[in-house]
Amino acid sequence: MLTLGWKFIARLSRISRSTTCFLTLSVVKVGLKFADIDNNHPMAGKTLTFDVDIIELPV
């Protein structure tokens, strides 16, 4: 049985290419027969702030 908040990894393979992709999935809603799964990045929708030091600029 799935539990709300569980995270798991899904592997996607493309037949036409030898590319494999991994997605982190989260269970966001659990019903009697179905569950809603979210594949957004955990930082999606959040405000990010970066502290950047510029070391050198090309002349």
Protein backbone atom coordinates (compact mmCIF):
# COMPACT_ATOMS: atom_id res chain seq x y z
CA MET A 1 0.00 0.00 0.00
CA LEU A 2 1.28 3.47 -0.86
CA THR A 3 1.66 6.10 1.84
CA LEU A 4 1.32 9.85 1.45
CA GLY A 5 4.74 11.48 1.15
CA TRP A 6 6.62 8.41 -0.07
CA LYS A 7 9.33 9.12 -2.62
CA PHE A 8 10.64 6.64 -5.12
CA ILE A 9 12.71 6.56 -8.30
CA ALA A 10 11.34 5.53 -11.70
CA ARG A 11 13.60 4.52 -14.56
CA LEU A 12 12.50 5.51 -18.06
CA SER A 13 14.15 3.90 -21.05
CA ARG A 14 13.78 4.98 -24.65
CA ILE A 15 13.66 2.21 -27.21
CA SER A 16 14.88 4.41 -30.07
CA ARG A 17 17.98 5.55 -28.14
CA SER A 18 20.19 4.03 -25.51
CA THR A 19 19.20 6.81 -23.10
CA THR A 20 17.95 6.07 -19.60
CA CYS A 21 16.36 8.75 -17.44
CA PHE A 22 15.61 8.60 -13.72
CA LEU A 23 12.73 10.54 -12.13
CA THR A 24 12.08 11.13 -8.45
CA LEU A 25 8.35 10.66 -7.83
CA SER A 26 6.35 11.63 -4.75
CA VAL A 27 2.98 10.30 -3.59
CA VAL A 28 0.80 13.38 -3.04
CA LYS A 29 -2.68 11.82 -2.64
CA VAL A 30 -3.85 8.30 -1.83
CA GLY A 31 -7.36 7.03 -2.50
CA LEU A 32 -9.02 3.64 -2.22
CA LYS A 33 -8.14 2.60 -5.78
CA PHE A 34 -5.82 5.29 -7.12
CA ALA A 35 -2.92 7.46 -6.02
CA ASP A 36 -1.71 10.82 -7.37
CA ILE A 37 2.00 10.92 -8.14
CA ASP A 38 4.00 14.14 -8.60
CA ASN A 39 7.16 14.17 -10.68
CA ASN A 40 8.09 17.84 -10.20
CA HIS A 41 11.53 18.63 -8.86
CA PRO A 42 11.43 19.13 -5.05
CA MET A 43 12.60 22.75 -5.51
CA ALA A 44 9.96 23.56 -8.16
CA GLY A 45 7.96 26.65 -7.26
CA LYS A 46 10.33 27.76 -4.49
CA THR A 47 12.27 31.01 -4.45
CA LEU A 48 16.00 30.40 -4.71
CA THR A 49 18.64 32.95 -3.69
CA PHE A 50 22.26 32.61 -4.76
CA ASP A 51 25.31 34.38 -3.36
CA VAL A 52 27.73 34.72 -6.29
CA ASP A 53 31.31 36.03 -6.41
CA ILE A 54 32.53 37.08 -9.86
CA ILE A 55 36.17 36.08 -10.01
CA GLU A 56 37.13 37.30 -13.47
CA LEU A 57 35.58 38.88 -16.54
CA PRO A 58 37.01 38.50 -20.04
CA VAL A 59 38.48 41.75 -21.40
